[in-house]
Amino acid sequence: MAAVTTTEYGALPAVHITAADGAQATVSLFGAHLLSWKTADGKERLFVSSQTPLDGSKAIRGGVPVIFPQFNVRGPGLRHGFARVSTWRLTGQGGDGGSSFIEFSLNQGDLSMEHAQAWPHAFELTLRFTLHGDALNVDYTVHNSGAQEFPFGVALHTYYDVGHLDATSISGLQHQQYTDHHLNTRTQEYPALHFTEKHDRLYQSTPALTLNTADATLRLEQQGFSEWVVWNPGQEDAKALVDLADDEYQRFVCIEPARIDQQPLAAGATWTGKHAISA
């Protein structure tokens, strides 16, 4: 039987779930932000910066930031949207047989006045995190509960703890087209992507990728999203990030399922994205 408890992560109210097999996850109500995921062997799979504020004063660097209603600056509003800096509600928990879940929701009534005025739409976001053996499933739904369509973009900006960047590669992207941070469009010809410099790449979605590190292999799958974003700031850009220690860029890779361009969601309609990570 899963155990769900309230806790704190830094100064942030959070929810902790322990599955019957010992797998664990911690999610802060601030941003419905997954801050820790440990598989049943006790190994932490996510990276959180030692320098990030954990008091709700700004977005968290690490874990799984939840992007909505826009990716980066691809929209007129707050960079990466307001979902990651809003306080969500725990709205569900449970499990059966081999799985345990916790679910969080956010709607227009939960927003600060500033964010509600900037985003005058009725909506309901739901995030469900399910622990299942050595796997984590994330179900992300966007519901338009208003009378007018609205445009939205989404992403799950996942920071994986890779131990050391030099020993890290991603396979499953060979022959895939990508756009880099210089806005060049290229095709990846080599079988595996290695990290020797800054990477900020946008790949068209593939059903699955494999993240290989010195001591782990993770399989990443997605449905409903349209891209993979692969990011590491590299040495120079890392120095400019005040919420990241200068050498911490060597410890993580971001691989995120995304729909980076805002697309309309009709009144009454629901979009669903699924992301599965298995060790």
Protein backbone atom coordinates (compact mmCIF):
# COMPACT_ATOMS: atom_id res chain seq x y z
CA MET A 1 0.00 0.00 0.00
CA ALA A 2 1.33 3.44 -0.88
CA ALA A 3 2.03 5.96 1.87
CA VAL A 4 1.27 9.63 1.10
CA THR A 5 2.45 12.27 3.57
CA THR A 6 2.77 16.04 3.66
CA THR A 7 6.29 17.35 4.14
CA GLU A 8 8.55 20.29 3.29
CA TYR A 9 11.25 20.59 0.66
CA GLY A 10 13.38 23.54 1.64
CA ALA A 11 10.69 26.00 2.73
CA LEU A 12 8.11 24.64 0.26
CA PRO A 13 5.04 22.61 1.30
CA ALA A 14 5.29 19.28 -0.50
CA VAL A 15 3.73 15.84 -0.83
CA HIS A 16 5.77 12.66 -0.50
CA ILE A 17 4.67 9.27 -1.80
CA THR A 18 6.30 5.93 -1.05
CA ALA A 19 5.14 2.97 -3.12
CA ALA A 20 4.85 -0.57 -1.78
CA ASP A 21 8.12 -1.56 -3.49
CA GLY A 22 10.02 1.37 -1.92
CA ALA A 23 10.02 3.75 -4.89
CA GLN A 24 9.51 7.37 -3.77
CA ALA A 25 8.62 10.78 -5.16
CA THR A 26 8.37 14.27 -3.67
CA VAL A 27 6.26 16.99 -5.32
CA SER A 28 6.04 20.60 -4.11
CA LEU A 29 2.66 22.34 -4.28
CA PHE A 30 4.58 25.30 -5.73
CA GLY A 31 4.49 24.47 -9.44
CA ALA A 32 3.33 20.85 -8.90
CA HIS A 33 7.06 20.47 -9.21
CA LEU A 34 8.49 16.94 -9.04
CA LEU A 35 11.66 17.47 -6.99
CA SER A 36 12.75 13.91 -6.31
CA TRP A 37 12.13 10.50 -7.84
CA LYS A 38 13.89 7.51 -6.38
CA THR A 39 13.46 4.07 -7.89
CA ALA A 40 13.02 1.10 -5.55
CA ASP A 41 16.82 0.67 -5.32
CA GLY A 42 17.01 4.08 -3.59
CA LYS A 43 18.77 5.81 -6.50
CA GLU A 44 17.84 9.45 -7.11
CA ARG A 45 17.03 9.98 -10.80
CA LEU A 46 16.50 13.77 -10.85
CA PHE A 47 18.85 16.72 -10.41
CA VAL A 48 18.06 19.84 -8.37
CA SER A 49 20.58 22.70 -8.25
CA SER A 50 22.22 23.41 -4.89
CA GLN A 51 21.82 27.14 -5.63
CA THR A 52 18.12 27.31 -6.48
CA PRO A 53 15.76 29.13 -4.10
CA LEU A 54 13.30 26.73 -2.43
CA ASP A 55 11.01 29.36 -0.91
CA GLY A 56 8.59 30.16 -3.75
CA SER A 57 10.35 33.41 -4.65
CA LYS A 58 11.21 32.17 -8.15
CA ALA A 59 10.98 29.10 -10.35
CA ILE A 60 12.98 26.04 -9.24
CA ARG A 61 16.11 25.01 -11.17
CA GLY A 62 15.90 21.22 -11.41
CA GLY A 63 13.42 18.40 -11.02
CA VAL A 64 10.50 18.70 -13.46
CA PRO A 65 9.29 22.29 -14.05
CA VAL A 66 5.78 22.30 -15.54
CA ILE A 67 5.50 24.63 -18.55
CA PHE A 68 2.13 26.27 -19.40
CA PRO A 69 0.71 28.23 -21.26
CA GLN A 70 3.85 29.02 -23.27
CA PHE A 71 7.28 27.54 -23.87
CA ASN A 72 10.15 29.99 -23.25
CA VAL A 73 9.24 33.22 -25.10
CA ARG A 74 6.98 31.57 -27.70
CA GLY A 75 3.97 33.59 -26.62
CA PRO A 76 3.12 37.03 -25.25
CA GLY A 77 3.16 36.16 -21.55
CA LEU A 78 5.58 35.21 -18.79
CA ARG A 79 8.60 33.23 -20.00
CA HIS A 80 7.76 29.51 -19.62
CA GLY A 81 4.34 30.48 -18.27
CA PHE A 82 2.80 30.76 -14.83
CA ALA A 83 2.14 27.09 -13.97
CA ARG A 84 5.63 26.56 -12.55
CA VAL A 85 5.31 29.57 -10.19
CA SER A 86 1.70 29.00 -9.06
CA THR A 87 0.48 27.01 -6.06
CA TRP A 88 -1.37 23.84 -7.06
CA ARG A 89 -3.76 21.65 -5.04
CA LEU A 90 -3.39 17.97 -4.20
CA THR A 91 -6.62 16.56 -5.67
CA GLY A 92 -6.10 12.81 -5.80
CA GLN A 93 -4.14 9.85 -4.52
CA GLY A 94 -4.44 6.12 -4.72
CA GLY A 95 -3.18 2.99 -6.35
CA ASP A 96 -3.80 -0.62 -7.18
CA GLY A 97 -1.74 -3.77 -7.42
CA GLY A 98 1.61 -2.50 -8.54
CA SER A 99 1.09 1.24 -8.95
CA SER A 100 0.62 4.31 -6.72
CA PHE A 101 -0.27 7.85 -7.78
CA ILE A 102 -0.69 11.43 -6.59
CA GLU A 103 -2.57 14.05 -8.61
CA PHE A 104 -2.43 17.84 -8.60
CA SER A 105 -4.71 20.49 -10.16
CA LEU A 106 -4.56 24.18 -11.03
CA ASN A 107 -7.30 26.44 -12.40
CA GLN A 108 -7.86 30.15 -12.92
CA GLY A 109 -9.13 30.52 -9.34
CA ASP A 110 -5.71 29.46 -8.01
CA LEU A 111 -3.78 32.18 -9.84
CA SER A 112 -2.39 35.37 -8.38
CA MET A 113 -4.22 38.51 -9.49
CA GLU A 114 -1.27 39.41 -11.72
CA HIS A 115 -1.31 36.08 -13.53
CA ALA A 116 -5.12 35.93 -13.75
CA GLN A 117 -5.23 39.36 -15.38
CA ALA A 118 -2.49 38.39 -17.85
CA TRP A 119 -4.25 35.09 -18.70
CA PRO A 120 -8.02 35.80 -18.73
CA HIS A 121 -9.13 32.27 -19.60
CA ALA A 122 -10.99 29.54 -17.72
CA PHE A 123 -8.87 26.38 -17.59
CA GLU A 124 -8.07 23.30 -15.53
CA LEU A 125 -4.63 21.68 -15.47
CA THR A 126 -4.12 18.22 -14.00
CA LEU A 127 -0.85 16.40 -13.36
CA ARG A 128 -0.79 12.80 -12.20
CA PHE A 129 2.48 11.17 -11.14
CA THR A 130 2.32 7.37 -11.01
CA LEU A 131 5.02 5.13 -9.55
CA HIS A 132 5.03 1.68 -11.09
CA GLY A 133 8.02 -0.54 -10.36
CA ASP A 134 11.12 1.15 -11.76
CA ALA A 135 8.98 3.49 -13.84
CA LEU A 136 7.42 6.92 -13.46
CA ASN A 137 4.41 7.90 -15.55
CA VAL A 138 3.28 11.51 -15.85
CA ASP A 139 -0.18 12.32 -17.23
CA TYR A 140 -0.63 16.00 -18.06
CA THR A 141 -4.06 17.32 -19.09
CA VAL A 142 -5.16 20.78 -20.15
CA HIS A 143 -8.91 21.44 -20.16
CA ASN A 144 -10.52 24.56 -21.58
CA SER A 145 -13.45 25.16 -19.23
CA GLY A 146 -14.33 28.52 -20.78
CA ALA A 147 -16.49 29.67 -23.68
CA GLN A 148 -13.64 30.82 -25.96
CA GLU A 149 -10.67 28.95 -27.41
CA PHE A 150 -7.23 29.80 -26.08
CA PRO A 151 -3.67 29.15 -27.35
CA PHE A 152 -1.27 27.11 -25.25
CA GLY A 153 2.13 25.45 -25.28
CA VAL A 154 3.38 22.86 -22.78
CA ALA A 155 6.50 21.01 -21.68
CA LEU A 156 7.84 18.87 -18.84
CA HIS A 157 11.31 20.37 -18.44
CA THR A 158 12.93 17.32 -16.82
CA TYR A 159 16.44 17.54 -15.30
CA TYR A 160 18.04 14.07 -15.11
CA ASP A 161 20.86 13.40 -12.68
CA VAL A 162 23.48 11.84 -14.95
CA GLY A 163 26.39 11.73 -12.49
CA HIS A 164 28.85 13.08 -15.03
CA LEU A 165 28.18 14.60 -18.45
CA ASP A 166 31.26 13.03 -20.06
CA ALA A 167 29.78 9.55 -19.59
CA THR A 168 26.31 10.51 -20.88
CA SER A 169 24.68 9.92 -24.26
CA ILE A 170 21.21 9.85 -25.80
CA SER A 171 20.27 7.27 -28.41
CA GLY A 172 17.15 7.11 -30.57
CA LEU A 173 17.69 10.39 -32.43
CA GLN A 174 19.71 9.19 -35.41
CA HIS A 175 18.31 10.54 -38.73
CA GLN A 176 16.04 12.94 -36.80
CA GLN A 177 15.84 16.58 -37.83
CA TYR A 178 16.58 19.19 -35.17
CA THR A 179 16.87 22.95 -34.77
CA ASP A 180 19.77 24.21 -32.64
CA HIS A 181 20.17 27.40 -30.56
CA HIS A 182 21.52 29.24 -33.61
CA LEU A 183 18.23 28.34 -35.38
CA ASN A 184 20.09 26.09 -37.81
CA THR A 185 18.08 23.07 -38.97
CA ARG A 186 20.12 19.91 -39.31
CA THR A 187 19.77 16.13 -39.30
CA GLN A 188 21.58 14.06 -36.71
CA GLU A 189 23.54 11.43 -38.62
CA TYR A 190 25.41 9.81 -35.71
CA PRO A 191 23.78 7.08 -33.58
CA ALA A 192 24.22 8.72 -30.16
CA LEU A 193 24.29 12.32 -28.97
CA HIS A 194 27.24 13.05 -26.67
CA PHE A 195 27.79 16.22 -24.65
CA THR A 196 31.02 18.09 -25.32
CA GLU A 197 29.60 21.63 -25.44
CA LYS A 198 26.37 23.57 -24.94
CA HIS A 199 23.31 21.84 -26.36
CA ASP A 200 19.94 23.46 -26.94
CA ARG A 201 18.19 21.35 -29.54
CA LEU A 202 14.61 20.90 -30.60
CA TYR A 203 13.90 17.50 -32.17
CA GLN A 204 10.68 16.38 -33.77
CA SER A 205 9.01 13.86 -31.51
CA THR A 206 9.97 10.20 -31.65
CA PRO A 207 8.08 7.59 -29.61
CA ALA A 208 11.08 6.75 -27.42
CA LEU A 209 14.63 7.75 -26.49
CA THR A 210 17.28 6.12 -24.34
CA LEU A 211 19.39 8.11 -21.87
CA ASN A 212 22.65 6.31 -21.11
CA THR A 213 24.81 7.31 -18.15
CA ALA A 214 27.80 5.68 -16.44
CA ASP A 215 25.57 3.70 -14.09
CA ALA A 216 22.05 3.82 -15.50
CA THR A 217 19.92 3.45 -18.60
CA LEU A 218 16.57 5.23 -18.78
CA ARG A 219 13.95 4.77 -21.49
CA LEU A 220 11.83 7.86 -22.18
CA GLU A 221 8.52 7.71 -24.03
CA GLN A 222 5.92 10.32 -24.91
CA GLN A 223 2.45 10.61 -26.43
CA GLY A 224 0.50 13.76 -27.28
CA PHE A 225 3.52 16.06 -27.33
CA SER A 226 5.19 17.03 -30.61
CA GLU A 227 8.87 17.60 -29.77
CA TRP A 228 11.79 16.58 -27.62
CA VAL A 229 13.90 19.42 -26.23
CA VAL A 230 17.47 18.47 -25.26
CA TRP A 231 19.38 21.04 -23.21
CA ASN A 232 22.57 21.50 -21.27
CA PRO A 233 23.97 25.02 -20.80
CA GLY A 234 27.63 24.10 -21.17
CA GLN A 235 30.41 25.72 -19.17
CA GLU A 236 30.08 29.34 -20.25
CA ASP A 237 26.29 29.65 -20.02
CA ALA A 238 26.29 27.83 -16.67
CA LYS A 239 28.48 30.58 -15.19
CA ALA A 240 25.79 33.14 -16.07
CA LEU A 241 23.03 31.25 -14.22
CA VAL A 242 22.87 32.54 -10.65
CA ASP A 243 20.75 29.58 -9.51
CA LEU A 244 23.26 26.99 -10.74
CA ALA A 245 26.74 26.33 -9.34
CA ASP A 246 29.42 26.79 -11.99
CA ASP A 247 30.30 23.11 -12.21
CA GLU A 248 26.79 21.68 -11.82
CA TYR A 249 26.16 21.67 -15.58
CA GLN A 250 28.26 18.50 -15.61
CA ARG A 251 25.69 16.67 -13.47
CA PHE A 252 22.51 16.93 -15.52
CA VAL A 253 20.86 16.74 -18.91
CA CYS A 254 17.40 18.13 -19.65
CA ILE A 255 15.24 16.02 -21.95
CA GLU A 256 11.69 17.27 -22.18
CA PRO A 257 8.54 16.26 -24.03
CA ALA A 258 7.04 19.48 -25.36
CA ARG A 259 4.56 21.24 -27.62
CA ILE A 260 6.62 24.37 -28.03
CA ASP A 261 4.39 26.43 -30.32
CA GLN A 262 1.12 27.70 -28.90
CA GLN A 263 -1.81 25.95 -30.54
CA PRO A 264 -5.54 26.61 -30.02
CA LEU A 265 -7.63 24.56 -27.63
CA ALA A 266 -11.36 24.85 -28.35
CA ALA A 267 -13.91 25.72 -25.66
CA GLY A 268 -14.74 22.54 -23.72
CA ALA A 269 -11.86 20.58 -25.25
CA THR A 270 -9.10 18.68 -23.42
CA TRP A 271 -5.51 17.97 -24.43
CA THR A 272 -3.59 15.09 -22.87
CA GLY A 273 0.15 14.42 -22.90
CA LYS A 274 1.76 11.29 -21.47
CA HIS A 275 5.37 10.81 -20.47
CA ALA A 276 6.82 7.52 -19.24
CA ILE A 277 10.32 7.08 -17.79
CA SER A 278 11.60 3.62 -16.97
CA ALA A 279 14.93 2.52 -15.50
